[in-house]
Amino acid sequence: MDAGQPGRKTDLQRLRHGNEVRDAGHATIKCIDANISGEWRGGKTATVEIEFQGCQNPQEQPCQTAQTKSEIKTLPLEGELGFIKNQVKEGKLVITVGLDLKPQAPLTELATYECGGGRRN
């Protein structure tokens, strides 16, 4: 991942297993895959969109945006590269970095989707 090239379009990361959508006040949604794409805007910032695939709620009902069955697509997001964890594990320092994602202004939601017929934001 080269964050030093503003305007560069790239797949920021490809996730394969263990993808979860967590939202305060709602059940955790599990997805089998996710694609992240975006464009670096500066040394630590990017615009990002995520497409979660094969999503289900705990009742095994499909979760989706619009007409795309079992896929949740985010709205445009702004991401800032930063530290997620800095811990010592088994005597070794483990540092994890990632993107802090927020809705792209003037939007206020990360995604709008529904599970089993009920809308979520």
PDB file of N, CA and C in Angstrom:
ATOM      1  N   MET A   1       0.856  -1.162   0.000  1.00  0.00           N
ATOM      2  CA  MET A   1       0.000   0.000   0.000  1.00  0.00           C
ATOM      3  C   MET A   1       0.901   1.224   0.000  1.00  0.00           C
ATOM      4  N   ASP A   2       0.800   2.036  -1.024  1.00  0.00           N
ATOM      5  CA  ASP A   2       1.631   3.226  -1.148  1.00  0.00           C
ATOM      6  C   ASP A   2       0.763   4.457  -0.966  1.00  0.00           C
ATOM      7  N   ALA A   3       0.782   5.009   0.225  1.00  0.00           N
ATOM      8  CA  ALA A   3      -0.045   6.170   0.522  1.00  0.00           C
ATOM      9  C   ALA A   3       0.604   7.466   0.064  1.00  0.00           C
ATOM     10  N   GLY A   4       1.766   7.416  -0.544  1.00  0.00           N
ATOM     11  CA  GLY A   4       2.474   8.617  -0.908  1.00  0.00           C
ATOM     12  C   GLY A   4       2.179   9.147  -2.295  1.00  0.00           C
ATOM     13  N   GLN A   5       1.199   8.587  -3.001  1.00  0.00           N
ATOM     14  CA  GLN A   5       0.908   9.010  -4.360  1.00  0.00           C
ATOM     15  C   GLN A   5      -0.531   9.500  -4.474  1.00  0.00           C
ATOM     16  N   PRO A   6      -0.796  10.788  -4.196  1.00  0.00           N
ATOM     17  CA  PRO A   6      -2.157  11.308  -4.306  1.00  0.00           C
ATOM     18  C   PRO A   6      -2.727  11.087  -5.703  1.00  0.00           C
ATOM     19  N   GLY A   7      -4.026  10.787  -5.752  1.00  0.00           N
ATOM     20  CA  GLY A   7      -4.710  10.587  -7.012  1.00  0.00           C
ATOM     21  C   GLY A   7      -4.559   9.194  -7.589  1.00  0.00           C
ATOM     22  N   ARG A   8      -3.753   8.358  -6.985  1.00  0.00           N
ATOM     23  CA  ARG A   8      -3.539   7.000  -7.481  1.00  0.00           C
ATOM     24  C   ARG A   8      -4.734   6.129  -7.132  1.00  0.00           C
ATOM     25  N   LYS A   9      -5.373   5.554  -8.140  1.00  0.00           N
ATOM     26  CA  LYS A   9      -6.494   4.651  -7.907  1.00  0.00           C
ATOM     27  C   LYS A   9      -5.946   3.249  -7.722  1.00  0.00           C
ATOM     28  N   THR A  10      -6.437   2.552  -6.716  1.00  0.00           N
ATOM     29  CA  THR A  10      -5.918   1.226  -6.421  1.00  0.00           C
ATOM     30  C   THR A  10      -6.914   0.453  -5.578  1.00  0.00           C
ATOM     31  N   ASP A  11      -6.814  -0.867  -5.577  1.00  0.00           N
ATOM     32  CA  ASP A  11      -7.524  -1.668  -4.590  1.00  0.00           C
ATOM     33  C   ASP A  11      -6.717  -1.530  -3.313  1.00  0.00           C
ATOM     34  N   LEU A  12      -7.286  -0.911  -2.298  1.00  0.00           N
ATOM     35  CA  LEU A  12      -6.550  -0.666  -1.069  1.00  0.00           C
ATOM     36  C   LEU A  12      -6.283  -1.965  -0.326  1.00  0.00           C
ATOM     37  N   GLN A  13      -7.221  -2.890  -0.394  1.00  0.00           N
ATOM     38  CA  GLN A  13      -7.030  -4.160   0.304  1.00  0.00           C
ATOM     39  C   GLN A  13      -8.115  -5.119  -0.150  1.00  0.00           C
ATOM     40  N   ARG A  14      -7.820  -6.387  -0.196  1.00  0.00           N
ATOM     41  CA  ARG A  14      -8.836  -7.399  -0.486  1.00  0.00           C
ATOM     42  C   ARG A  14      -8.968  -8.276   0.748  1.00  0.00           C
ATOM     43  N   LEU A  15     -10.150  -8.294   1.306  1.00  0.00           N
ATOM     44  CA  LEU A  15     -10.423  -9.098   2.494  1.00  0.00           C
ATOM     45  C   LEU A  15     -11.118 -10.379   2.069  1.00  0.00           C
ATOM     46  N   ARG A  16     -10.863 -11.478   2.758  1.00  0.00           N
ATOM     47  CA  ARG A  16     -11.450 -12.746   2.344  1.00  0.00           C
ATOM     48  C   ARG A  16     -12.358 -13.379   3.394  1.00  0.00           C
ATOM     49  N   HIS A  17     -11.968 -13.423   4.640  1.00  0.00           N
ATOM     50  CA  HIS A  17     -12.750 -14.149   5.642  1.00  0.00           C
ATOM     51  C   HIS A  17     -12.939 -13.294   6.886  1.00  0.00           C
ATOM     52  N   GLY A  18     -14.025 -13.581   7.604  1.00  0.00           N
ATOM     53  CA  GLY A  18     -14.233 -12.952   8.890  1.00  0.00           C
ATOM     54  C   GLY A  18     -14.679 -11.504   8.808  1.00  0.00           C
ATOM     55  N   ASN A  19     -15.295 -11.084   7.711  1.00  0.00           N
ATOM     56  CA  ASN A  19     -15.769  -9.718   7.590  1.00  0.00           C
ATOM     57  C   ASN A  19     -17.061  -9.548   8.373  1.00  0.00           C
ATOM     58  N   GLU A  20     -17.104  -8.510   9.193  1.00  0.00           N
ATOM     59  CA  GLU A  20     -18.294  -8.224   9.979  1.00  0.00           C
ATOM     60  C   GLU A  20     -18.636  -6.755   9.862  1.00  0.00           C
ATOM     61  N   VAL A  21     -19.939  -6.477   9.828  1.00  0.00           N
ATOM     62  CA  VAL A  21     -20.442  -5.112   9.875  1.00  0.00           C
ATOM     63  C   VAL A  21     -21.049  -4.950  11.257  1.00  0.00           C
ATOM     64  N   ARG A  22     -20.464  -4.070  12.045  1.00  0.00           N
ATOM     65  CA  ARG A  22     -20.956  -3.852  13.414  1.00  0.00           C
ATOM     66  C   ARG A  22     -21.517  -2.452  13.512  1.00  0.00           C
ATOM     67  N   ASP A  23     -22.682  -2.357  14.152  1.00  0.00           N
ATOM     68  CA  ASP A  23     -23.368  -1.077  14.278  1.00  0.00           C
ATOM     69  C   ASP A  23     -23.987  -1.030  15.671  1.00  0.00           C
ATOM     70  N   ALA A  24     -23.723   0.037  16.386  1.00  0.00           N
ATOM     71  CA  ALA A  24     -24.273   0.181  17.739  1.00  0.00           C
ATOM     72  C   ALA A  24     -25.794   0.052  17.692  1.00  0.00           C
ATOM     73  N   GLY A  25     -26.332  -0.775  18.558  1.00  0.00           N
ATOM     74  CA  GLY A  25     -27.771  -0.935  18.646  1.00  0.00           C
ATOM     75  C   GLY A  25     -28.361  -1.948  17.676  1.00  0.00           C
ATOM     76  N   HIS A  26     -27.547  -2.551  16.813  1.00  0.00           N
ATOM     77  CA  HIS A  26     -28.026  -3.546  15.849  1.00  0.00           C
ATOM     78  C   HIS A  26     -27.175  -4.799  15.956  1.00  0.00           C
ATOM     79  N   ALA A  27     -27.734  -5.903  15.489  1.00  0.00           N
ATOM     80  CA  ALA A  27     -27.000  -7.172  15.501  1.00  0.00           C
ATOM     81  C   ALA A  27     -25.815  -7.115  14.537  1.00  0.00           C
ATOM     82  N   THR A  28     -24.778  -7.885  14.823  1.00  0.00           N
ATOM     83  CA  THR A  28     -23.609  -7.979  13.951  1.00  0.00           C
ATOM     84  C   THR A  28     -23.983  -8.746  12.688  1.00  0.00           C
ATOM     85  N   ILE A  29     -23.591  -8.207  11.546  1.00  0.00           N
ATOM     86  CA  ILE A  29     -23.830  -8.839  10.257  1.00  0.00           C
ATOM     87  C   ILE A  29     -22.529  -9.486   9.815  1.00  0.00           C
ATOM     88  N   LYS A  30     -22.593 -10.739   9.393  1.00  0.00           N
ATOM     89  CA  LYS A  30     -21.394 -11.434   8.921  1.00  0.00           C
ATOM     90  C   LYS A  30     -21.445 -11.545   7.408  1.00  0.00           C
ATOM     91  N   CYS A  31     -20.293 -11.284   6.787  1.00  0.00           N
ATOM     92  CA  CYS A  31     -20.154 -11.348   5.335  1.00  0.00           C
ATOM     93  C   CYS A  31     -18.983 -12.268   5.000  1.00  0.00           C
ATOM     94  N   ILE A  32     -19.071 -12.964   3.875  1.00  0.00           N
ATOM     95  CA  ILE A  32     -18.014 -13.909   3.537  1.00  0.00           C
ATOM     96  C   ILE A  32     -16.853 -13.267   2.794  1.00  0.00           C
ATOM     97  N   ASP A  33     -17.039 -12.077   2.232  1.00  0.00           N
ATOM     98  CA  ASP A  33     -15.980 -11.443   1.456  1.00  0.00           C
ATOM     99  C   ASP A  33     -16.218  -9.943   1.404  1.00  0.00           C
ATOM    100  N   ALA A  34     -15.188  -9.199   1.053  1.00  0.00           N
ATOM    101  CA  ALA A  34     -15.318  -7.752   0.882  1.00  0.00           C
ATOM    102  C   ALA A  34     -14.272  -7.257  -0.103  1.00  0.00           C
ATOM    103  N   ASN A  35     -14.649  -6.293  -0.898  1.00  0.00           N
ATOM    104  CA  ASN A  35     -13.724  -5.625  -1.810  1.00  0.00           C
ATOM    105  C   ASN A  35     -13.639  -4.163  -1.392  1.00  0.00           C
ATOM    106  N   ILE A  36     -12.423  -3.674  -1.252  1.00  0.00           N
ATOM    107  CA  ILE A  36     -12.202  -2.279  -0.899  1.00  0.00           C
ATOM    108  C   ILE A  36     -11.481  -1.625  -2.059  1.00  0.00           C
ATOM    109  N   SER A  37     -12.031  -0.529  -2.549  1.00  0.00           N
ATOM    110  CA  SER A  37     -11.359   0.208  -3.618  1.00  0.00           C
ATOM    111  C   SER A  37     -11.367   1.681  -3.250  1.00  0.00           C
ATOM    112  N   GLY A  38     -10.429   2.421  -3.809  1.00  0.00           N
ATOM    113  CA  GLY A  38     -10.377   3.829  -3.496  1.00  0.00           C
ATOM    114  C   GLY A  38      -9.231   4.539  -4.167  1.00  0.00           C
ATOM    115  N   GLU A  39      -9.028   5.748  -3.728  1.00  0.00           N
ATOM    116  CA  GLU A  39      -8.008   6.603  -4.305  1.00  0.00           C
ATOM    117  C   GLU A  39      -7.309   7.374  -3.195  1.00  0.00           C
ATOM    118  N   TRP A  40      -5.983   7.347  -3.202  1.00  0.00           N
ATOM    119  CA  TRP A  40      -5.213   8.114  -2.224  1.00  0.00           C
ATOM    120  C   TRP A  40      -5.324   9.596  -2.550  1.00  0.00           C
ATOM    121  N   ARG A  41      -5.585  10.419  -1.531  1.00  0.00           N
ATOM    122  CA  ARG A  41      -5.737  11.866  -1.697  1.00  0.00           C
ATOM    123  C   ARG A  41      -4.532  12.637  -1.174  1.00  0.00           C
ATOM    124  N   GLY A  42      -3.754  12.016  -0.343  1.00  0.00           N
ATOM    125  CA  GLY A  42      -2.582  12.654   0.256  1.00  0.00           C
ATOM    126  C   GLY A  42      -1.785  11.596   0.988  1.00  0.00           C
ATOM    127  N   GLY A  43      -0.815  12.020   1.766  1.00  0.00           N
ATOM    128  CA  GLY A  43       0.058  11.092   2.468  1.00  0.00           C
ATOM    129  C   GLY A  43      -0.653  10.107   3.374  1.00  0.00           C
ATOM    130  N   LYS A  44      -1.768  10.511   3.990  1.00  0.00           N
ATOM    131  CA  LYS A  44      -2.471   9.633   4.929  1.00  0.00           C
ATOM    132  C   LYS A  44      -3.971   9.568   4.686  1.00  0.00           C
ATOM    133  N   THR A  45      -4.489  10.178   3.631  1.00  0.00           N
ATOM    134  CA  THR A  45      -5.935  10.216   3.421  1.00  0.00           C
ATOM    135  C   THR A  45      -6.318   9.576   2.095  1.00  0.00           C
ATOM    136  N   ALA A  46      -7.529   9.012   2.065  1.00  0.00           N
ATOM    137  CA  ALA A  46      -8.024   8.336   0.868  1.00  0.00           C
ATOM    138  C   ALA A  46      -9.539   8.454   0.811  1.00  0.00           C
ATOM    139  N   THR A  47     -10.090   8.337  -0.393  1.00  0.00           N
ATOM    140  CA  THR A  47     -11.527   8.124  -0.558  1.00  0.00           C
ATOM    141  C   THR A  47     -11.700   6.630  -0.781  1.00  0.00           C
ATOM    142  N   VAL A  48     -12.735   6.050  -0.190  1.00  0.00           N
ATOM    143  CA  VAL A  48     -12.876   4.594  -0.150  1.00  0.00           C
ATOM    144  C   VAL A  48     -14.331   4.197  -0.360  1.00  0.00           C
ATOM    145  N   GLU A  49     -14.533   3.072  -1.034  1.00  0.00           N
ATOM    146  CA  GLU A  49     -15.835   2.415  -1.093  1.00  0.00           C
ATOM    147  C   GLU A  49     -15.617   0.933  -0.820  1.00  0.00           C
ATOM    148  N   ILE A  50     -16.536   0.334  -0.071  1.00  0.00           N
ATOM    149  CA  ILE A  50     -16.421  -1.078   0.298  1.00  0.00           C
ATOM    150  C   ILE A  50     -17.674  -1.807  -0.168  1.00  0.00           C
ATOM    151  N   GLU A  51     -17.485  -2.982  -0.716  1.00  0.00           N
ATOM    152  CA  GLU A  51     -18.589  -3.854  -1.115  1.00  0.00           C
ATOM    153  C   GLU A  51     -18.450  -5.154  -0.320  1.00  0.00           C
ATOM    154  N   PHE A  52     -19.331  -5.336   0.660  1.00  0.00           N
ATOM    155  CA  PHE A  52     -19.362  -6.576   1.442  1.00  0.00           C
ATOM    156  C   PHE A  52     -20.242  -7.575   0.698  1.00  0.00           C
ATOM    157  N   GLN A  53     -19.822  -8.831   0.611  1.00  0.00           N
ATOM    158  CA  GLN A  53     -20.554  -9.838  -0.157  1.00  0.00           C
ATOM    159  C   GLN A  53     -20.956 -11.011   0.714  1.00  0.00           C
ATOM    160  N   GLY A  54     -22.090 -11.623   0.381  1.00  0.00           N
ATOM    161  CA  GLY A  54     -22.580 -12.788   1.113  1.00  0.00           C
ATOM    162  C   GLY A  54     -22.928 -12.452   2.545  1.00  0.00           C
ATOM    163  N   CYS A  55     -23.662 -11.371   2.755  1.00  0.00           N
ATOM    164  CA  CYS A  55     -23.959 -10.876   4.112  1.00  0.00           C
ATOM    165  C   CYS A  55     -25.256 -11.447   4.661  1.00  0.00           C
ATOM    166  N   GLN A  56     -25.213 -11.799   5.973  1.00  0.00           N
ATOM    167  CA  GLN A  56     -26.386 -12.311   6.674  1.00  0.00           C
ATOM    168  C   GLN A  56     -26.403 -11.780   8.095  1.00  0.00           C
ATOM    169  N   ASN A  57     -27.617 -11.613   8.643  1.00  0.00           N
ATOM    170  CA  ASN A  57     -27.757 -11.264  10.047  1.00  0.00           C
ATOM    171  C   ASN A  57     -27.753 -12.548  10.880  1.00  0.00           C
ATOM    172  N   PRO A  58     -27.820 -12.466  12.219  1.00  0.00           N
ATOM    173  CA  PRO A  58     -27.782 -13.681  13.047  1.00  0.00           C
ATOM    174  C   PRO A  58     -28.938 -14.661  12.778  1.00  0.00           C
ATOM    175  N   GLN A  59     -30.042 -14.182  12.191  1.00  0.00           N
ATOM    176  CA  GLN A  59     -31.165 -15.056  11.848  1.00  0.00           C
ATOM    177  C   GLN A  59     -30.983 -15.675  10.460  1.00  0.00           C
ATOM    178  N   GLU A  60     -29.791 -15.494   9.867  1.00  0.00           N
ATOM    179  CA  GLU A  60     -29.424 -16.016   8.549  1.00  0.00           C
ATOM    180  C   GLU A  60     -30.280 -15.457   7.423  1.00  0.00           C
ATOM    181  N   GLN A  61     -30.793 -14.234   7.620  1.00  0.00           N
ATOM    182  CA  GLN A  61     -31.507 -13.530   6.565  1.00  0.00           C
ATOM    183  C   GLN A  61     -30.489 -12.707   5.772  1.00  0.00           C
ATOM    184  N   PRO A  62     -30.617 -12.635   4.436  1.00  0.00           N
ATOM    185  CA  PRO A  62     -29.669 -11.856   3.656  1.00  0.00           C
ATOM    186  C   PRO A  62     -29.794 -10.363   3.949  1.00  0.00           C
ATOM    187  N   CYS A  63     -28.651  -9.694   3.940  1.00  0.00           N
ATOM    188  CA  CYS A  63     -28.598  -8.248   4.140  1.00  0.00           C
ATOM    189  C   CYS A  63     -28.064  -7.629   2.852  1.00  0.00           C
ATOM    190  N   GLN A  64     -28.657  -6.509   2.441  1.00  0.00           N
ATOM    191  CA  GLN A  64     -28.285  -5.945   1.157  1.00  0.00           C
ATOM    192  C   GLN A  64     -28.616  -4.461   1.051  1.00  0.00           C
ATOM    193  N   THR A  65     -27.998  -3.820   0.058  1.00  0.00           N
ATOM    194  CA  THR A  65     -28.355  -2.462  -0.333  1.00  0.00           C
ATOM    195  C   THR A  65     -29.129  -2.554  -1.636  1.00  0.00           C
ATOM    196  N   ALA A  66     -30.141  -1.722  -1.774  1.00  0.00           N
ATOM    197  CA  ALA A  66     -30.954  -1.638  -2.995  1.00  0.00           C
ATOM    198  C   ALA A  66     -31.338  -3.027  -3.500  1.00  0.00           C
ATOM    199  N   GLN A  67     -31.069  -3.313  -4.784  1.00  0.00           N
ATOM    200  CA  GLN A  67     -31.483  -4.587  -5.369  1.00  0.00           C
ATOM    201  C   GLN A  67     -30.364  -5.614  -5.423  1.00  0.00           C
ATOM    202  N   THR A  68     -29.231  -5.346  -4.841  1.00  0.00           N
ATOM    203  CA  THR A  68     -28.095  -6.268  -4.912  1.00  0.00           C
ATOM    204  C   THR A  68     -28.221  -7.290  -3.789  1.00  0.00           C
ATOM    205  N   LYS A  69     -28.657  -8.500  -4.117  1.00  0.00           N
ATOM    206  CA  LYS A  69     -28.927  -9.523  -3.113  1.00  0.00           C
ATOM    207  C   LYS A  69     -27.667  -9.924  -2.365  1.00  0.00           C
ATOM    208  N   SER A  70     -27.718  -9.914  -1.070  1.00  0.00           N
ATOM    209  CA  SER A  70     -26.685 -10.311  -0.103  1.00  0.00           C
ATOM    210  C   SER A  70     -25.374  -9.529  -0.231  1.00  0.00           C
ATOM    211  N   GLU A  71     -25.429  -8.297  -0.778  1.00  0.00           N
ATOM    212  CA  GLU A  71     -24.266  -7.409  -0.817  1.00  0.00           C
ATOM    213  C   GLU A  71     -24.608  -6.077  -0.175  1.00  0.00           C
ATOM    214  N   ILE A  72     -23.684  -5.583   0.630  1.00  0.00           N
ATOM    215  CA  ILE A  72     -23.832  -4.252   1.226  1.00  0.00           C
ATOM    216  C   ILE A  72     -22.737  -3.378   0.639  1.00  0.00           C
ATOM    217  N   LYS A  73     -23.141  -2.292  -0.014  1.00  0.00           N
ATOM    218  CA  LYS A  73     -22.184  -1.343  -0.589  1.00  0.00           C
ATOM    219  C   LYS A  73     -22.237  -0.064   0.237  1.00  0.00           C
ATOM    220  N   THR A  74     -21.068   0.397   0.644  1.00  0.00           N
ATOM    221  CA  THR A  74     -21.028   1.635   1.417  1.00  0.00           C
ATOM    222  C   THR A  74     -21.271   2.831   0.504  1.00  0.00           C
ATOM    223  N   LEU A  75     -21.620   3.918   1.118  1.00  0.00           N
ATOM    224  CA  LEU A  75     -21.642   5.205   0.442  1.00  0.00           C
ATOM    225  C   LEU A  75     -20.186   5.664   0.352  1.00  0.00           C
ATOM    226  N   PRO A  76     -19.861   6.724  -0.398  1.00  0.00           N
ATOM    227  CA  PRO A  76     -18.460   7.185  -0.450  1.00  0.00           C
ATOM    228  C   PRO A  76     -17.945   7.536   0.945  1.00  0.00           C
ATOM    229  N   LEU A  77     -16.737   7.062   1.248  1.00  0.00           N
ATOM    230  CA  LEU A  77     -16.136   7.241   2.572  1.00  0.00           C
ATOM    231  C   LEU A  77     -14.808   7.982   2.464  1.00  0.00           C
ATOM    232  N   GLU A  78     -14.442   8.677   3.538  1.00  0.00           N
ATOM    233  CA  GLU A  78     -13.121   9.291   3.684  1.00  0.00           C
ATOM    234  C   GLU A  78     -12.347   8.453   4.681  1.00  0.00           C
ATOM    235  N   GLY A  79     -11.112   8.132   4.373  1.00  0.00           N
ATOM    236  CA  GLY A  79     -10.295   7.332   5.273  1.00  0.00           C
ATOM    237  C   GLY A  79      -9.000   8.033   5.620  1.00  0.00           C
ATOM    238  N   GLU A  80      -8.584   7.866   6.873  1.00  0.00           N
ATOM    239  CA  GLU A  80      -7.297   8.406   7.321  1.00  0.00           C
ATOM    240  C   GLU A  80      -6.471   7.265   7.887  1.00  0.00           C
ATOM    241  N   LEU A  81      -5.251   7.097   7.356  1.00  0.00           N
ATOM    242  CA  LEU A  81      -4.348   6.051   7.783  1.00  0.00           C
ATOM    243  C   LEU A  81      -3.849   6.342   9.194  1.00  0.00           C
ATOM    244  N   GLY A  82      -3.877   5.332  10.061  1.00  0.00           N
ATOM    245  CA  GLY A  82      -3.419   5.519  11.436  1.00  0.00           C
ATOM    246  C   GLY A  82      -3.236   4.192  12.147  1.00  0.00           C
ATOM    247  N   PHE A  83      -2.842   4.255  13.426  1.00  0.00           N
ATOM    248  CA  PHE A  83      -2.617   3.064  14.237  1.00  0.00           C
ATOM    249  C   PHE A  83      -3.931   2.528  14.776  1.00  0.00           C
ATOM    250  N   ILE A  84      -4.109   1.215  14.677  1.00  0.00           N
ATOM    251  CA  ILE A  84      -5.277   0.534  15.234  1.00  0.00           C
ATOM    252  C   ILE A  84      -4.907  -0.092  16.574  1.00  0.00           C
ATOM    253  N   LYS A  85      -3.782  -0.831  16.597  1.00  0.00           N
ATOM    254  CA  LYS A  85      -3.292  -1.483  17.815  1.00  0.00           C
ATOM    255  C   LYS A  85      -1.793  -1.304  17.926  1.00  0.00           C
ATOM    256  N   ASN A  86      -1.337  -1.251  19.151  1.00  0.00           N
ATOM    257  CA  ASN A  86       0.083  -1.230  19.460  1.00  0.00           C
ATOM    258  C   ASN A  86       0.218  -2.035  20.747  1.00  0.00           C
ATOM    259  N   GLN A  87       0.522  -3.337  20.627  1.00  0.00           N
ATOM    260  CA  GLN A  87       0.527  -4.205  21.798  1.00  0.00           C
ATOM    261  C   GLN A  87       1.706  -5.171  21.759  1.00  0.00           C
ATOM    262  N   VAL A  88       2.029  -5.704  22.931  1.00  0.00           N
ATOM    263  CA  VAL A  88       3.062  -6.727  23.033  1.00  0.00           C
ATOM    264  C   VAL A  88       2.347  -8.070  23.146  1.00  0.00           C
ATOM    265  N   LYS A  89       2.690  -8.994  22.235  1.00  0.00           N
ATOM    266  CA  LYS A  89       2.068 -10.316  22.208  1.00  0.00           C
ATOM    267  C   LYS A  89       3.178 -11.352  22.166  1.00  0.00           C
ATOM    268  N   GLU A  90       3.200 -12.225  23.165  1.00  0.00           N
ATOM    269  CA  GLU A  90       4.227 -13.257  23.284  1.00  0.00           C
ATOM    270  C   GLU A  90       5.629 -12.662  23.224  1.00  0.00           C
ATOM    271  N   GLY A  91       5.807 -11.514  23.882  1.00  0.00           N
ATOM    272  CA  GLY A  91       7.108 -10.867  23.960  1.00  0.00           C
ATOM    273  C   GLY A  91       7.512 -10.066  22.729  1.00  0.00           C
ATOM    274  N   LYS A  92       6.630  -9.995  21.727  1.00  0.00           N
ATOM    275  CA  LYS A  92       6.940  -9.249  20.509  1.00  0.00           C
ATOM    276  C   LYS A  92       5.967  -8.090  20.336  1.00  0.00           C
ATOM    277  N   LEU A  93       6.496  -6.979  19.867  1.00  0.00           N
ATOM    278  CA  LEU A  93       5.666  -5.811  19.601  1.00  0.00           C
ATOM    279  C   LEU A  93       4.868  -6.043  18.318  1.00  0.00           C
ATOM    280  N   VAL A  94       3.555  -5.916  18.406  1.00  0.00           N
ATOM    281  CA  VAL A  94       2.669  -6.082  17.257  1.00  0.00           C
ATOM    282  C   VAL A  94       1.981  -4.747  17.007  1.00  0.00           C
ATOM    283  N   ILE A  95       2.211  -4.201  15.832  1.00  0.00           N
ATOM    284  CA  ILE A  95       1.611  -2.927  15.457  1.00  0.00           C
ATOM    285  C   ILE A  95       0.683  -3.172  14.274  1.00  0.00           C
ATOM    286  N   THR A  96      -0.552  -2.691  14.387  1.00  0.00           N
ATOM    287  CA  THR A  96      -1.534  -2.827  13.323  1.00  0.00           C
ATOM    288  C   THR A  96      -1.959  -1.436  12.879  1.00  0.00           C
ATOM    289  N   VAL A  97      -1.924  -1.209  11.569  1.00  0.00           N
ATOM    290  CA  VAL A  97      -2.389   0.062  11.028  1.00  0.00           C
ATOM    291  C   VAL A  97      -3.623  -0.183  10.181  1.00  0.00           C
ATOM    292  N   GLY A  98      -4.409   0.855   9.967  1.00  0.00           N
ATOM    293  CA  GLY A  98      -5.618   0.734   9.160  1.00  0.00           C
ATOM    294  C   GLY A  98      -6.174   2.095   8.838  1.00  0.00           C
ATOM    295  N   LEU A  99      -7.336   2.110   8.216  1.00  0.00           N
ATOM    296  CA  LEU A  99      -8.007   3.349   7.845  1.00  0.00           C
ATOM    297  C   LEU A  99      -9.160   3.622   8.801  1.00  0.00           C
ATOM    298  N   ASP A 100      -9.206   4.827   9.342  1.00  0.00           N
ATOM    299  CA  ASP A 100     -10.345   5.299  10.117  1.00  0.00           C
ATOM    300  C   ASP A 100     -11.328   5.857   9.100  1.00  0.00           C
ATOM    301  N   LEU A 101     -12.481   5.183   8.936  1.00  0.00           N
ATOM    302  CA  LEU A 101     -13.437   5.542   7.900  1.00  0.00           C
ATOM    303  C   LEU A 101     -14.581   6.379   8.442  1.00  0.00           C
ATOM    304  N   LYS A 102     -14.935   7.419   7.678  1.00  0.00           N
ATOM    305  CA  LYS A 102     -16.037   8.320   8.030  1.00  0.00           C
ATOM    306  C   LYS A 102     -16.829   8.622   6.767  1.00  0.00           C
ATOM    307  N   PRO A 103     -18.101   8.997   6.911  1.00  0.00           N
ATOM    308  CA  PRO A 103     -18.879   9.361   5.723  1.00  0.00           C
ATOM    309  C   PRO A 103     -18.250  10.564   5.016  1.00  0.00           C
ATOM    310  N   GLN A 104     -18.316  10.562   3.704  1.00  0.00           N
ATOM    311  CA  GLN A 104     -17.813  11.690   2.928  1.00  0.00           C
ATOM    312  C   GLN A 104     -18.860  12.799   2.975  1.00  0.00           C
ATOM    313  N   ALA A 105     -18.439  13.999   3.384  1.00  0.00           N
ATOM    314  CA  ALA A 105     -19.360  15.140   3.512  1.00  0.00           C
ATOM    315  C   ALA A 105     -20.043  15.408   2.172  1.00  0.00           C
ATOM    316  N   PRO A 106     -21.292  15.752   2.166  1.00  0.00           N
ATOM    317  CA  PRO A 106     -22.180  16.096   3.283  1.00  0.00           C
ATOM    318  C   PRO A 106     -22.941  14.903   3.861  1.00  0.00           C
ATOM    319  N   LEU A 107     -22.602  13.669   3.454  1.00  0.00           N
ATOM    320  CA  LEU A 107     -23.296  12.481   3.949  1.00  0.00           C
ATOM    321  C   LEU A 107     -23.035  12.275   5.435  1.00  0.00           C
ATOM    322  N   THR A 108     -23.963  11.588   6.105  1.00  0.00           N
ATOM    323  CA  THR A 108     -23.818  11.320   7.534  1.00  0.00           C
ATOM    324  C   THR A 108     -23.851   9.825   7.850  1.00  0.00           C
ATOM    325  N   GLU A 109     -24.062   8.977   6.832  1.00  0.00           N
ATOM    326  CA  GLU A 109     -24.144   7.530   7.031  1.00  0.00           C
ATOM    327  C   GLU A 109     -23.026   6.831   6.288  1.00  0.00           C
ATOM    328  N   LEU A 110     -22.558   5.695   6.816  1.00  0.00           N
ATOM    329  CA  LEU A 110     -21.556   4.881   6.128  1.00  0.00           C
ATOM    330  C   LEU A 110     -22.205   4.034   5.032  1.00  0.00           C
ATOM    331  N   ALA A 111     -23.399   3.509   5.323  1.00  0.00           N
ATOM    332  CA  ALA A 111     -24.129   2.670   4.370  1.00  0.00           C
ATOM    333  C   ALA A 111     -25.591   2.622   4.797  1.00  0.00           C
ATOM    334  N   THR A 112     -26.450   2.347   3.839  1.00  0.00           N
ATOM    335  CA  THR A 112     -27.863   2.091   4.114  1.00  0.00           C
ATOM    336  C   THR A 112     -28.170   0.724   3.528  1.00  0.00           C
ATOM    337  N   TYR A 113     -28.726  -0.164   4.349  1.00  0.00           N
ATOM    338  CA  TYR A 113     -28.962  -1.539   3.919  1.00  0.00           C
ATOM    339  C   TYR A 113     -30.164  -2.090   4.658  1.00  0.00           C
ATOM    340  N   GLU A 114     -30.617  -3.254   4.219  1.00  0.00           N
ATOM    341  CA  GLU A 114     -31.713  -3.923   4.926  1.00  0.00           C
ATOM    342  C   GLU A 114     -31.416  -5.402   5.088  1.00  0.00           C
ATOM    343  N   CYS A 115     -31.956  -5.953   6.175  1.00  0.00           N
ATOM    344  CA  CYS A 115     -31.825  -7.381   6.471  1.00  0.00           C
ATOM    345  C   CYS A 115     -33.211  -7.926   6.693  1.00  0.00           C
ATOM    346  N   GLY A 116     -33.608  -8.914   5.918  1.00  0.00           N
ATOM    347  CA  GLY A 116     -34.916  -9.520   6.094  1.00  0.00           C
ATOM    348  C   GLY A 116     -36.059  -8.528   5.989  1.00  0.00           C
ATOM    349  N   GLY A 117     -35.896  -7.482   5.193  1.00  0.00           N
ATOM    350  CA  GLY A 117     -36.956  -6.500   4.970  1.00  0.00           C
ATOM    351  C   GLY A 117     -36.924  -5.276   5.848  1.00  0.00           C
ATOM    352  N   GLY A 118     -36.005  -5.203   6.833  1.00  0.00           N
ATOM    353  CA  GLY A 118     -35.928  -4.026   7.702  1.00  0.00           C
ATOM    354  C   GLY A 118     -34.732  -3.156   7.373  1.00  0.00           C
ATOM    355  N   ARG A 119     -34.955  -1.839   7.161  1.00  0.00           N
ATOM    356  CA  ARG A 119     -33.898  -0.927   6.772  1.00  0.00           C
ATOM    357  C   ARG A 119     -32.992  -0.577   7.961  1.00  0.00           C
ATOM    358  N   ARG A 120     -31.670  -0.462   7.696  1.00  0.00           N
ATOM    359  CA  ARG A 120     -30.667  -0.074   8.685  1.00  0.00           C
ATOM    360  C   ARG A 120     -29.800   1.025   8.109  1.00  0.00           C
ATOM    361  N   ASN A 121     -29.293   1.899   8.963  1.00  0.00           N
ATOM    362  CA  ASN A 121     -28.340   2.948   8.564  1.00  0.00           C
ATOM    363  C   ASN A 121     -27.065   2.758   9.324  1.00  0.00           C
TER     364      ASN A 121
END
